């Protein structure tokens, strides 16, 4: 017989159910630039409401909640000041949380509204041809690229990846769908002798790409072609956007263009073990916002074989990401 859930346990579940409200609250903080306004000069809530043309009573209630969870504080004279937690939502903060808060609210949260239909049909019609950089507006592309940087920084993901594997063994590395170029910049900074590094992504990402003299930049659509002539092709957080058959096609494209190159897939690996871990929620997220998902190792092995590659090794990192190293079948 199932044991009854304690009152405290019920309350915890209710708090989880209200999680979407925090998504919207952080969105308002970033969208209206509240931390930047507070940093600009000391102001009361009434002054902020007037200067930002916002409703005073709503803003007062918003700050009341925000201060209760550590975002912002209030001096005795009523002046609002930033805290360490609110500072990270400033637009120029290196954590990039300004971007992530808005991307989650404007792109991710609305996509969950279709979850019931996806659960019934197994299909996400609005995203079955999802191409990450081509179907987003310029604003969402900017927020997406900044948000992905924020996710990586939050766990120091790039350091974990670079520390887990010897990337210095390759004469040249290209990051396919690399967005701003955070990975190749960190790789370049390692200073491996005679190694060339490059980034490839959609033309509309060009304005957000890094401009380092030691990093080559290529523009195009990886659904159609990718640059040739590199030793290692690095695909990070790309394939979880796509259905299995599309991933097979992309890997076959990579093999056809660079048959002697090695491929590194950087993704989370889904474990059906009943232990809480981030990829278990992330796969639901991907099913709602794309045609893709997070994959089990068995799923990856099937895809790799169908694409004409052989699995060399799977390297775990100190982050949730795994490095899946491939070579083409000869």
C-alpha atoms as a PDB file:
ATOM      1  CA  UNK A   1       0.000   0.000   0.000  1.00  0.00           C
ATOM      2  CA  UNK A   2       1.334   3.456  -0.955  1.00  0.00           C
ATOM      3  CA  UNK A   3       2.209   5.610   2.032  1.00  0.00           C
ATOM      4  CA  UNK A   4       0.433   8.985   2.265  1.00  0.00           C
ATOM      5  CA  UNK A   5       2.576  12.000   1.372  1.00  0.00           C
ATOM      6  CA  UNK A   6       3.375  14.315   4.278  1.00  0.00           C
ATOM      7  CA  UNK A   7       2.114  17.894   4.209  1.00  0.00           C
ATOM      8  CA  UNK A   8       5.657  19.184   3.734  1.00  0.00           C
ATOM      9  CA  UNK A   9       6.089  16.949   0.724  1.00  0.00           C
ATOM     10  CA  UNK A  10       2.878  18.245  -0.816  1.00  0.00           C
ATOM     11  CA  UNK A  11       4.076  21.816  -0.291  1.00  0.00           C
ATOM     12  CA  UNK A  12       7.378  21.028  -2.011  1.00  0.00           C
ATOM     13  CA  UNK A  13       5.511  19.634  -5.019  1.00  0.00           C
ATOM     14  CA  UNK A  14       3.323  22.732  -5.132  1.00  0.00           C
ATOM     15  CA  UNK A  15       6.450  24.897  -5.155  1.00  0.00           C
ATOM     16  CA  UNK A  16       7.727  22.935  -8.129  1.00  0.00           C
ATOM     17  CA  UNK A  17       4.390  23.418  -9.888  1.00  0.00           C
ATOM     18  CA  UNK A  18       4.761  27.175  -9.485  1.00  0.00           C
ATOM     19  CA  UNK A  19       8.213  27.164 -11.057  1.00  0.00           C
ATOM     20  CA  UNK A  20       6.949  28.832 -14.228  1.00  0.00           C
ATOM     21  CA  UNK A  21       6.216  31.955 -12.182  1.00  0.00           C
ATOM     22  CA  UNK A  22       9.898  32.413 -11.388  1.00  0.00           C
ATOM     23  CA  UNK A  23      10.670  32.110 -15.094  1.00  0.00           C
ATOM     24  CA  UNK A  24       8.397  35.090 -15.732  1.00  0.00           C
ATOM     25  CA  UNK A  25       9.724  37.071 -12.758  1.00  0.00           C
ATOM     26  CA  UNK A  26      13.331  36.734 -13.944  1.00  0.00           C
ATOM     27  CA  UNK A  27      12.140  37.645 -17.417  1.00  0.00           C
ATOM     28  CA  UNK A  28      10.676  40.923 -16.164  1.00  0.00           C
ATOM     29  CA  UNK A  29      13.888  41.700 -14.302  1.00  0.00           C
ATOM     30  CA  UNK A  30      15.924  41.312 -17.502  1.00  0.00           C
ATOM     31  CA  UNK A  31      13.405  42.689 -19.998  1.00  0.00           C
ATOM     32  CA  UNK A  32      12.958  46.003 -18.185  1.00  0.00           C
ATOM     33  CA  UNK A  33      16.590  46.241 -17.175  1.00  0.00           C
ATOM     34  CA  UNK A  34      15.885  46.623 -13.481  1.00  0.00           C
ATOM     35  CA  UNK A  35      19.452  45.838 -12.286  1.00  0.00           C
ATOM     36  CA  UNK A  36      20.914  48.267 -14.827  1.00  0.00           C
ATOM     37  CA  UNK A  37      18.454  50.972 -13.799  1.00  0.00           C
ATOM     38  CA  UNK A  38      19.305  50.470 -10.135  1.00  0.00           C
ATOM     39  CA  UNK A  39      23.037  50.549 -10.893  1.00  0.00           C
ATOM     40  CA  UNK A  40      22.701  53.739 -12.933  1.00  0.00           C
ATOM     41  CA  UNK A  41      21.693  55.799  -9.909  1.00  0.00           C
ATOM     42  CA  UNK A  42      19.984  55.178  -6.533  1.00  0.00           C
ATOM     43  CA  UNK A  43      16.193  55.274  -6.812  1.00  0.00           C
ATOM     44  CA  UNK A  44      13.102  54.277  -4.908  1.00  0.00           C
ATOM     45  CA  UNK A  45      10.495  51.932  -6.370  1.00  0.00           C
ATOM     46  CA  UNK A  46       8.298  54.958  -7.044  1.00  0.00           C
ATOM     47  CA  UNK A  47      11.134  56.663  -8.949  1.00  0.00           C
ATOM     48  CA  UNK A  48      11.865  53.504 -10.938  1.00  0.00           C
ATOM     49  CA  UNK A  49       8.205  53.094 -11.856  1.00  0.00           C
ATOM     50  CA  UNK A  50       8.076  56.673 -13.102  1.00  0.00           C
ATOM     51  CA  UNK A  51      11.385  56.569 -14.992  1.00  0.00           C
ATOM     52  CA  UNK A  52      10.707  53.187 -16.636  1.00  0.00           C
ATOM     53  CA  UNK A  53       7.010  53.941 -17.248  1.00  0.00           C
ATOM     54  CA  UNK A  54       5.818  50.928 -15.234  1.00  0.00           C
ATOM     55  CA  UNK A  55       2.882  50.487 -12.888  1.00  0.00           C
ATOM     56  CA  UNK A  56       3.983  51.502  -9.389  1.00  0.00           C
ATOM     57  CA  UNK A  57       1.891  48.999  -7.424  1.00  0.00           C
ATOM     58  CA  UNK A  58       2.855  46.051  -9.592  1.00  0.00           C
ATOM     59  CA  UNK A  59       6.526  47.033  -9.454  1.00  0.00           C
ATOM     60  CA  UNK A  60       6.308  47.404  -5.668  1.00  0.00           C
ATOM     61  CA  UNK A  61       4.932  43.869  -5.333  1.00  0.00           C
ATOM     62  CA  UNK A  62       7.544  42.595  -7.778  1.00  0.00           C
ATOM     63  CA  UNK A  63      10.401  44.088  -5.738  1.00  0.00           C
ATOM     64  CA  UNK A  64       8.835  42.772  -2.539  1.00  0.00           C
ATOM     65  CA  UNK A  65       9.108  39.246  -3.928  1.00  0.00           C
ATOM     66  CA  UNK A  66      12.529  39.766  -5.489  1.00  0.00           C
ATOM     67  CA  UNK A  67      14.034  41.066  -2.257  1.00  0.00           C
ATOM     68  CA  UNK A  68      12.598  38.093  -0.371  1.00  0.00           C
ATOM     69  CA  UNK A  69      14.620  35.719  -2.568  1.00  0.00           C
ATOM     70  CA  UNK A  70      17.834  37.731  -2.525  1.00  0.00           C
ATOM     71  CA  UNK A  71      17.488  39.801  -5.684  1.00  0.00           C
ATOM     72  CA  UNK A  72      17.912  43.463  -4.700  1.00  0.00           C
ATOM     73  CA  UNK A  73      17.868  45.035  -1.271  1.00  0.00           C
ATOM     74  CA  UNK A  74      16.383  48.242   0.126  1.00  0.00           C
ATOM     75  CA  UNK A  75      18.095  50.915   2.207  1.00  0.00           C
ATOM     76  CA  UNK A  76      16.404  52.645   5.115  1.00  0.00           C
ATOM     77  CA  UNK A  77      15.481  55.604   2.895  1.00  0.00           C
ATOM     78  CA  UNK A  78      13.682  53.282   0.465  1.00  0.00           C
ATOM     79  CA  UNK A  79      16.438  53.264  -2.144  1.00  0.00           C
ATOM     80  CA  UNK A  80      16.722  50.004  -4.086  1.00  0.00           C
ATOM     81  CA  UNK A  81      20.221  48.557  -4.475  1.00  0.00           C
ATOM     82  CA  UNK A  82      21.605  45.549  -6.321  1.00  0.00           C
ATOM     83  CA  UNK A  83      22.771  42.345  -4.704  1.00  0.00           C
ATOM     84  CA  UNK A  84      25.169  39.772  -6.143  1.00  0.00           C
ATOM     85  CA  UNK A  85      22.141  37.823  -7.378  1.00  0.00           C
ATOM     86  CA  UNK A  86      20.576  40.772  -9.200  1.00  0.00           C
ATOM     87  CA  UNK A  87      23.902  41.933 -10.674  1.00  0.00           C
ATOM     88  CA  UNK A  88      24.107  38.833 -12.874  1.00  0.00           C
ATOM     89  CA  UNK A  89      20.974  39.996 -14.709  1.00  0.00           C
ATOM     90  CA  UNK A  90      22.665  43.157 -15.955  1.00  0.00           C
ATOM     91  CA  UNK A  91      22.957  43.182 -19.733  1.00  0.00           C
ATOM     92  CA  UNK A  92      26.749  43.341 -19.811  1.00  0.00           C
ATOM     93  CA  UNK A  93      27.347  40.827 -17.021  1.00  0.00           C
ATOM     94  CA  UNK A  94      29.667  38.028 -18.213  1.00  0.00           C
ATOM     95  CA  UNK A  95      27.278  35.363 -16.881  1.00  0.00           C
ATOM     96  CA  UNK A  96      24.900  36.139 -19.806  1.00  0.00           C
ATOM     97  CA  UNK A  97      21.856  35.589 -17.567  1.00  0.00           C
ATOM     98  CA  UNK A  98      20.207  38.635 -19.147  1.00  0.00           C
ATOM     99  CA  UNK A  99      19.970  36.620 -22.357  1.00  0.00           C
ATOM    100  CA  UNK A 100      18.948  33.324 -20.778  1.00  0.00           C
ATOM    101  CA  UNK A 101      16.079  34.790 -18.732  1.00  0.00           C
ATOM    102  CA  UNK A 102      14.502  36.287 -21.824  1.00  0.00           C
ATOM    103  CA  UNK A 103      15.111  33.277 -24.066  1.00  0.00           C
ATOM    104  CA  UNK A 104      13.448  30.916 -21.604  1.00  0.00           C
ATOM    105  CA  UNK A 105      10.382  33.130 -21.276  1.00  0.00           C
ATOM    106  CA  UNK A 106       9.966  34.067 -24.936  1.00  0.00           C
ATOM    107  CA  UNK A 107      10.899  30.797 -26.626  1.00  0.00           C
ATOM    108  CA  UNK A 108      11.068  27.852 -24.233  1.00  0.00           C
ATOM    109  CA  UNK A 109       8.100  28.449 -21.925  1.00  0.00           C
ATOM    110  CA  UNK A 110       5.517  28.941 -24.739  1.00  0.00           C
ATOM    111  CA  UNK A 111       6.686  25.709 -26.400  1.00  0.00           C
ATOM    112  CA  UNK A 112       5.607  23.687 -23.365  1.00  0.00           C
ATOM    113  CA  UNK A 113       1.983  24.603 -24.057  1.00  0.00           C
ATOM    114  CA  UNK A 114       1.955  21.957 -26.781  1.00  0.00           C
ATOM    115  CA  UNK A 115       3.160  19.181 -24.441  1.00  0.00           C
ATOM    116  CA  UNK A 116      -0.238  17.486 -24.160  1.00  0.00           C
ATOM    117  CA  UNK A 117      -0.534  17.090 -27.918  1.00  0.00           C
ATOM    118  CA  UNK A 118       3.050  15.874 -28.249  1.00  0.00           C
ATOM    119  CA  UNK A 119       2.458  13.290 -25.516  1.00  0.00           C
ATOM    120  CA  UNK A 120      -0.631  11.971 -27.335  1.00  0.00           C
ATOM    121  CA  UNK A 121       0.778  11.946 -30.859  1.00  0.00           C
ATOM    122  CA  UNK A 122       4.539  11.672 -30.392  1.00  0.00           C
ATOM    123  CA  UNK A 123       4.877  14.439 -32.955  1.00  0.00           C
ATOM    124  CA  UNK A 124       5.781  18.095 -32.719  1.00  0.00           C
ATOM    125  CA  UNK A 125       4.468  19.394 -36.071  1.00  0.00           C
ATOM    126  CA  UNK A 126       5.575  22.979 -35.559  1.00  0.00           C
ATOM    127  CA  UNK A 127       9.180  21.882 -34.995  1.00  0.00           C
ATOM    128  CA  UNK A 128       9.632  18.790 -37.156  1.00  0.00           C
ATOM    129  CA  UNK A 129      11.776  20.796 -39.584  1.00  0.00           C
ATOM    130  CA  UNK A 130      13.433  22.808 -36.852  1.00  0.00           C
ATOM    131  CA  UNK A 131      16.613  24.516 -37.924  1.00  0.00           C
ATOM    132  CA  UNK A 132      17.967  26.326 -34.885  1.00  0.00           C
ATOM    133  CA  UNK A 133      19.363  29.466 -36.468  1.00  0.00           C
ATOM    134  CA  UNK A 134      17.124  29.879 -39.513  1.00  0.00           C
ATOM    135  CA  UNK A 135      13.678  29.816 -37.915  1.00  0.00           C
ATOM    136  CA  UNK A 136      14.404  32.237 -35.091  1.00  0.00           C
ATOM    137  CA  UNK A 137      14.022  35.976 -35.336  1.00  0.00           C
ATOM    138  CA  UNK A 138      17.146  38.083 -35.017  1.00  0.00           C
ATOM    139  CA  UNK A 139      16.182  38.830 -31.414  1.00  0.00           C
ATOM    140  CA  UNK A 140      15.696  35.172 -30.475  1.00  0.00           C
ATOM    141  CA  UNK A 141      18.941  34.256 -32.228  1.00  0.00           C
ATOM    142  CA  UNK A 142      20.725  36.826 -30.052  1.00  0.00           C
ATOM    143  CA  UNK A 143      18.994  35.565 -26.908  1.00  0.00           C
ATOM    144  CA  UNK A 144      19.628  31.917 -27.836  1.00  0.00           C
ATOM    145  CA  UNK A 145      23.359  32.394 -28.398  1.00  0.00           C
ATOM    146  CA  UNK A 146      23.731  34.359 -25.167  1.00  0.00           C
ATOM    147  CA  UNK A 147      21.585  31.857 -23.286  1.00  0.00           C
ATOM    148  CA  UNK A 148      23.636  28.885 -24.437  1.00  0.00           C
ATOM    149  CA  UNK A 149      26.738  30.698 -23.245  1.00  0.00           C
ATOM    150  CA  UNK A 150      25.056  31.194 -19.866  1.00  0.00           C
ATOM    151  CA  UNK A 151      24.214  27.493 -19.557  1.00  0.00           C
ATOM    152  CA  UNK A 152      27.801  26.518 -20.297  1.00  0.00           C
ATOM    153  CA  UNK A 153      29.253  29.090 -17.914  1.00  0.00           C
ATOM    154  CA  UNK A 154      26.901  28.056 -15.122  1.00  0.00           C
ATOM    155  CA  UNK A 155      28.680  24.703 -14.800  1.00  0.00           C
ATOM    156  CA  UNK A 156      32.023  25.801 -16.278  1.00  0.00           C
ATOM    157  CA  UNK A 157      31.115  23.335 -18.991  1.00  0.00           C
ATOM    158  CA  UNK A 158      33.836  24.277 -21.447  1.00  0.00           C
ATOM    159  CA  UNK A 159      36.615  23.767 -18.919  1.00  0.00           C
ATOM    160  CA  UNK A 160      35.144  20.370 -18.056  1.00  0.00           C
ATOM    161  CA  UNK A 161      35.104  19.383 -21.731  1.00  0.00           C
ATOM    162  CA  UNK A 162      38.623  20.592 -22.473  1.00  0.00           C
ATOM    163  CA  UNK A 163      40.030  18.971 -19.345  1.00  0.00           C
ATOM    164  CA  UNK A 164      38.444  15.594 -20.132  1.00  0.00           C
ATOM    165  CA  UNK A 165      40.045  14.994 -23.526  1.00  0.00           C
ATOM    166  CA  UNK A 166      43.313  15.733 -25.310  1.00  0.00           C
ATOM    167  CA  UNK A 167      42.201  18.071 -28.096  1.00  0.00           C
ATOM    168  CA  UNK A 168      45.839  18.950 -28.716  1.00  0.00           C
ATOM    169  CA  UNK A 169      46.307  15.748 -30.738  1.00  0.00           C
ATOM    170  CA  UNK A 170      44.405  17.239 -33.697  1.00  0.00           C
ATOM    171  CA  UNK A 171      46.015  19.529 -36.264  1.00  0.00           C
ATOM    172  CA  UNK A 172      42.748  21.351 -36.890  1.00  0.00           C
ATOM    173  CA  UNK A 173      39.375  21.537 -35.144  1.00  0.00           C
ATOM    174  CA  UNK A 174      36.124  23.069 -36.366  1.00  0.00           C
ATOM    175  CA  UNK A 175      33.080  23.656 -34.183  1.00  0.00           C
ATOM    176  CA  UNK A 176      29.933  23.035 -36.243  1.00  0.00           C
ATOM    177  CA  UNK A 177      26.974  25.150 -35.140  1.00  0.00           C
ATOM    178  CA  UNK A 178      29.271  26.827 -32.633  1.00  0.00           C
ATOM    179  CA  UNK A 179      27.241  30.015 -32.113  1.00  0.00           C
ATOM    180  CA  UNK A 180      29.393  32.792 -30.665  1.00  0.00           C
ATOM    181  CA  UNK A 181      32.512  30.663 -30.659  1.00  0.00           C
ATOM    182  CA  UNK A 182      33.047  30.207 -26.935  1.00  0.00           C
ATOM    183  CA  UNK A 183      34.431  26.674 -27.326  1.00  0.00           C
ATOM    184  CA  UNK A 184      36.955  27.465 -30.055  1.00  0.00           C
ATOM    185  CA  UNK A 185      38.118  30.547 -28.171  1.00  0.00           C
ATOM    186  CA  UNK A 186      38.811  28.491 -25.064  1.00  0.00           C
ATOM    187  CA  UNK A 187      40.499  25.819 -27.212  1.00  0.00           C
ATOM    188  CA  UNK A 188      42.622  28.442 -28.967  1.00  0.00           C
ATOM    189  CA  UNK A 189      43.629  29.929 -25.607  1.00  0.00           C
ATOM    190  CA  UNK A 190      45.157  26.571 -24.656  1.00  0.00           C
ATOM    191  CA  UNK A 191      47.881  27.293 -27.182  1.00  0.00           C
ATOM    192  CA  UNK A 192      48.323  23.859 -28.746  1.00  0.00           C
ATOM    193  CA  UNK A 193      51.275  24.130 -31.189  1.00  0.00           C
ATOM    194  CA  UNK A 194      50.387  24.466 -34.879  1.00  0.00           C
ATOM    195  CA  UNK A 195      46.690  23.747 -34.266  1.00  0.00           C
ATOM    196  CA  UNK A 196      44.138  25.588 -36.411  1.00  0.00           C
ATOM    197  CA  UNK A 197      40.677  26.228 -34.959  1.00  0.00           C
ATOM    198  CA  UNK A 198      37.522  27.401 -36.707  1.00  0.00           C
ATOM    199  CA  UNK A 199      33.834  28.014 -36.194  1.00  0.00           C
ATOM    200  CA  UNK A 200      30.942  27.365 -38.588  1.00  0.00           C
ATOM    201  CA  UNK A 201      27.396  28.638 -38.171  1.00  0.00           C
ATOM    202  CA  UNK A 202      24.502  30.433 -39.860  1.00  0.00           C
ATOM    203  CA  UNK A 203      25.135  33.838 -41.497  1.00  0.00           C
ATOM    204  CA  UNK A 204      22.802  35.576 -39.070  1.00  0.00           C
ATOM    205  CA  UNK A 205      25.060  34.577 -36.175  1.00  0.00           C
ATOM    206  CA  UNK A 206      28.005  36.490 -37.671  1.00  0.00           C
ATOM    207  CA  UNK A 207      27.402  39.687 -35.704  1.00  0.00           C
ATOM    208  CA  UNK A 208      27.627  37.733 -32.423  1.00  0.00           C
ATOM    209  CA  UNK A 209      30.680  35.663 -33.376  1.00  0.00           C
ATOM    210  CA  UNK A 210      34.018  36.269 -31.723  1.00  0.00           C
ATOM    211  CA  UNK A 211      36.556  38.144 -33.828  1.00  0.00           C
ATOM    212  CA  UNK A 212      39.875  36.672 -32.829  1.00  0.00           C
ATOM    213  CA  UNK A 213      42.719  36.774 -35.379  1.00  0.00           C
ATOM    214  CA  UNK A 214      43.656  33.181 -34.570  1.00  0.00           C
ATOM    215  CA  UNK A 215      40.191  31.737 -35.261  1.00  0.00           C
ATOM    216  CA  UNK A 216      38.775  31.165 -38.730  1.00  0.00           C
ATOM    217  CA  UNK A 217      35.086  31.833 -39.291  1.00  0.00           C
ATOM    218  CA  UNK A 218      32.862  30.083 -41.838  1.00  0.00           C
ATOM    219  CA  UNK A 219      29.222  30.892 -42.580  1.00  0.00           C
ATOM    220  CA  UNK A 220      26.599  28.550 -44.009  1.00  0.00           C
ATOM    221  CA  UNK A 221      23.876  26.018 -43.280  1.00  0.00           C
ATOM    222  CA  UNK A 222      25.091  22.729 -41.813  1.00  0.00           C
ATOM    223  CA  UNK A 223      21.898  21.081 -43.048  1.00  0.00           C
ATOM    224  CA  UNK A 224      23.320  21.482 -46.557  1.00  0.00           C
ATOM    225  CA  UNK A 225      27.097  21.470 -46.273  1.00  0.00           C
ATOM    226  CA  UNK A 226      30.040  21.975 -43.919  1.00  0.00           C
ATOM    227  CA  UNK A 227      33.629  23.110 -44.564  1.00  0.00           C
ATOM    228  CA  UNK A 228      36.078  20.424 -45.615  1.00  0.00           C
ATOM    229  CA  UNK A 229      39.677  19.810 -44.661  1.00  0.00           C
ATOM    230  CA  UNK A 230      39.591  19.607 -40.857  1.00  0.00           C
ATOM    231  CA  UNK A 231      41.009  16.880 -38.639  1.00  0.00           C
ATOM    232  CA  UNK A 232      38.256  16.972 -35.991  1.00  0.00           C
ATOM    233  CA  UNK A 233      34.620  17.996 -36.431  1.00  0.00           C
ATOM    234  CA  UNK A 234      33.095  19.035 -33.125  1.00  0.00           C
ATOM    235  CA  UNK A 235      29.286  19.006 -32.714  1.00  0.00           C
ATOM    236  CA  UNK A 236      28.174  20.361 -29.340  1.00  0.00           C
ATOM    237  CA  UNK A 237      24.492  20.587 -28.347  1.00  0.00           C
ATOM    238  CA  UNK A 238      23.425  20.320 -31.987  1.00  0.00           C
ATOM    239  CA  UNK A 239      22.085  16.818 -32.478  1.00  0.00           C
ATOM    240  CA  UNK A 240      19.653  16.972 -29.567  1.00  0.00           C
ATOM    241  CA  UNK A 241      17.692  19.475 -31.704  1.00  0.00           C
ATOM    242  CA  UNK A 242      16.932  16.836 -34.325  1.00  0.00           C
ATOM    243  CA  UNK A 243      15.122  13.522 -34.798  1.00  0.00           C
ATOM    244  CA  UNK A 244      17.189  10.350 -35.169  1.00  0.00           C
ATOM    245  CA  UNK A 245      16.915  10.205 -38.965  1.00  0.00           C
ATOM    246  CA  UNK A 246      18.089  13.814 -39.257  1.00  0.00           C
ATOM    247  CA  UNK A 247      21.101  13.121 -37.035  1.00  0.00           C
ATOM    248  CA  UNK A 248      22.019  10.176 -39.255  1.00  0.00           C
ATOM    249  CA  UNK A 249      21.801  12.461 -42.310  1.00  0.00           C
ATOM    250  CA  UNK A 250      24.031  15.084 -40.701  1.00  0.00           C
ATOM    251  CA  UNK A 251      26.640  12.517 -39.742  1.00  0.00           C
ATOM    252  CA  UNK A 252      26.560  11.051 -43.246  1.00  0.00           C
ATOM    253  CA  UNK A 253      27.086  14.567 -44.624  1.00  0.00           C
ATOM    254  CA  UNK A 254      30.101  14.943 -42.338  1.00  0.00           C
ATOM    255  CA  UNK A 255      31.466  11.577 -43.485  1.00  0.00           C
ATOM    256  CA  UNK A 256      30.969  12.387 -47.186  1.00  0.00           C
ATOM    257  CA  UNK A 257      32.692  15.788 -46.950  1.00  0.00           C
ATOM    258  CA  UNK A 258      35.492  14.715 -44.607  1.00  0.00           C
ATOM    259  CA  UNK A 259      35.781  10.900 -44.830  1.00  0.00           C
ATOM    260  CA  UNK A 260      39.115  10.678 -43.015  1.00  0.00           C
ATOM    261  CA  UNK A 261      38.281  13.126 -40.233  1.00  0.00           C
ATOM    262  CA  UNK A 262      37.300  12.228 -36.705  1.00  0.00           C
ATOM    263  CA  UNK A 263      34.022  13.416 -35.163  1.00  0.00           C
ATOM    264  CA  UNK A 264      33.331  14.446 -31.591  1.00  0.00           C
ATOM    265  CA  UNK A 265      29.708  14.622 -30.451  1.00  0.00           C
ATOM    266  CA  UNK A 266      29.237  16.546 -27.223  1.00  0.00           C
ATOM    267  CA  UNK A 267      25.860  15.796 -25.649  1.00  0.00           C
ATOM    268  CA  UNK A 268      24.250  14.596 -22.449  1.00  0.00           C
ATOM    269  CA  UNK A 269      23.536  10.859 -22.289  1.00  0.00           C
ATOM    270  CA  UNK A 270      20.130   9.916 -20.952  1.00  0.00           C
ATOM    271  CA  UNK A 271      20.130   7.331 -18.168  1.00  0.00           C
ATOM    272  CA  UNK A 272      16.883   5.573 -17.252  1.00  0.00           C
ATOM    273  CA  UNK A 273      18.015   4.777 -13.732  1.00  0.00           C
ATOM    274  CA  UNK A 274      15.531   6.639 -11.544  1.00  0.00           C
ATOM    275  CA  UNK A 275      18.254   8.933 -10.175  1.00  0.00           C
ATOM    276  CA  UNK A 276      17.633  12.694 -10.463  1.00  0.00           C
ATOM    277  CA  UNK A 277      19.837  14.263 -13.144  1.00  0.00           C
ATOM    278  CA  UNK A 278      19.510  17.194 -15.499  1.00  0.00           C
ATOM    279  CA  UNK A 279      19.173  15.274 -18.757  1.00  0.00           C
ATOM    280  CA  UNK A 280      15.923  13.656 -17.604  1.00  0.00           C
ATOM    281  CA  UNK A 281      14.155  17.025 -17.669  1.00  0.00           C
ATOM    282  CA  UNK A 282      16.213  18.306 -20.578  1.00  0.00           C
ATOM    283  CA  UNK A 283      14.936  15.564 -22.881  1.00  0.00           C
ATOM    284  CA  UNK A 284      11.363  16.687 -22.192  1.00  0.00           C
ATOM    285  CA  UNK A 285      12.427  20.246 -22.923  1.00  0.00           C
ATOM    286  CA  UNK A 286      13.932  19.236 -26.278  1.00  0.00           C
ATOM    287  CA  UNK A 287      10.822  17.270 -27.232  1.00  0.00           C
ATOM    288  CA  UNK A 288       8.755  20.404 -26.673  1.00  0.00           C
ATOM    289  CA  UNK A 289      10.956  22.981 -28.360  1.00  0.00           C
ATOM    290  CA  UNK A 290      12.476  20.864 -31.161  1.00  0.00           C
ATOM    291  CA  UNK A 291      12.004  17.583 -32.989  1.00  0.00           C
ATOM    292  CA  UNK A 292      14.861  16.153 -30.952  1.00  0.00           C
ATOM    293  CA  UNK A 293      15.602  14.666 -27.546  1.00  0.00           C
ATOM    294  CA  UNK A 294      18.419  13.558 -25.272  1.00  0.00           C
ATOM    295  CA  UNK A 295      19.550  10.018 -26.096  1.00  0.00           C
ATOM    296  CA  UNK A 296      20.591   6.880 -24.295  1.00  0.00           C
ATOM    297  CA  UNK A 297      23.946   5.333 -25.156  1.00  0.00           C
ATOM    298  CA  UNK A 298      22.108   2.528 -26.948  1.00  0.00           C
ATOM    299  CA  UNK A 299      20.283   5.086 -29.087  1.00  0.00           C
ATOM    300  CA  UNK A 300      23.583   6.748 -29.955  1.00  0.00           C
ATOM    301  CA  UNK A 301      25.181   3.425 -30.894  1.00  0.00           C
ATOM    302  CA  UNK A 302      22.345   2.738 -33.344  1.00  0.00           C
ATOM    303  CA  UNK A 303      22.647   6.199 -34.941  1.00  0.00           C
ATOM    304  CA  UNK A 304      26.430   5.955 -35.196  1.00  0.00           C
ATOM    305  CA  UNK A 305      26.245   2.571 -36.925  1.00  0.00           C
ATOM    306  CA  UNK A 306      23.559   3.765 -39.375  1.00  0.00           C
ATOM    307  CA  UNK A 307      25.693   6.795 -40.296  1.00  0.00           C
ATOM    308  CA  UNK A 308      28.704   4.641 -41.156  1.00  0.00           C
ATOM    309  CA  UNK A 309      30.849   5.496 -38.156  1.00  0.00           C
ATOM    310  CA  UNK A 310      32.339   3.402 -35.383  1.00  0.00           C
ATOM    311  CA  UNK A 311      32.315   4.413 -31.745  1.00  0.00           C
ATOM    312  CA  UNK A 312      35.869   4.805 -30.435  1.00  0.00           C
ATOM    313  CA  UNK A 313      35.080   5.848 -26.880  1.00  0.00           C
ATOM    314  CA  UNK A 314      32.688   7.764 -24.655  1.00  0.00           C
ATOM    315  CA  UNK A 315      34.424  10.190 -22.330  1.00  0.00           C
ATOM    316  CA  UNK A 316      32.493  11.606 -19.360  1.00  0.00           C
ATOM    317  CA  UNK A 317      33.295  15.125 -18.186  1.00  0.00           C
ATOM    318  CA  UNK A 318      32.937  16.931 -14.872  1.00  0.00           C
ATOM    319  CA  UNK A 319      29.767  18.502 -16.327  1.00  0.00           C
ATOM    320  CA  UNK A 320      26.599  16.719 -17.537  1.00  0.00           C
ATOM    321  CA  UNK A 321      28.124  16.580 -21.036  1.00  0.00           C
ATOM    322  CA  UNK A 322      29.770  13.488 -22.527  1.00  0.00           C
ATOM    323  CA  UNK A 323      32.242  13.310 -25.396  1.00  0.00           C
ATOM    324  CA  UNK A 324      31.309  10.680 -27.977  1.00  0.00           C
ATOM    325  CA  UNK A 325      34.372  10.112 -30.173  1.00  0.00           C
ATOM    326  CA  UNK A 326      33.869   8.590 -33.644  1.00  0.00           C
ATOM    327  CA  UNK A 327      35.841   7.404 -36.632  1.00  0.00           C
ATOM    328  CA  UNK A 328      34.391   6.517 -40.010  1.00  0.00           C
ATOM    329  CA  UNK A 329      34.188   2.876 -41.059  1.00  0.00           C
ATOM    330  CA  UNK A 330      36.899   2.217 -43.638  1.00  0.00           C
END
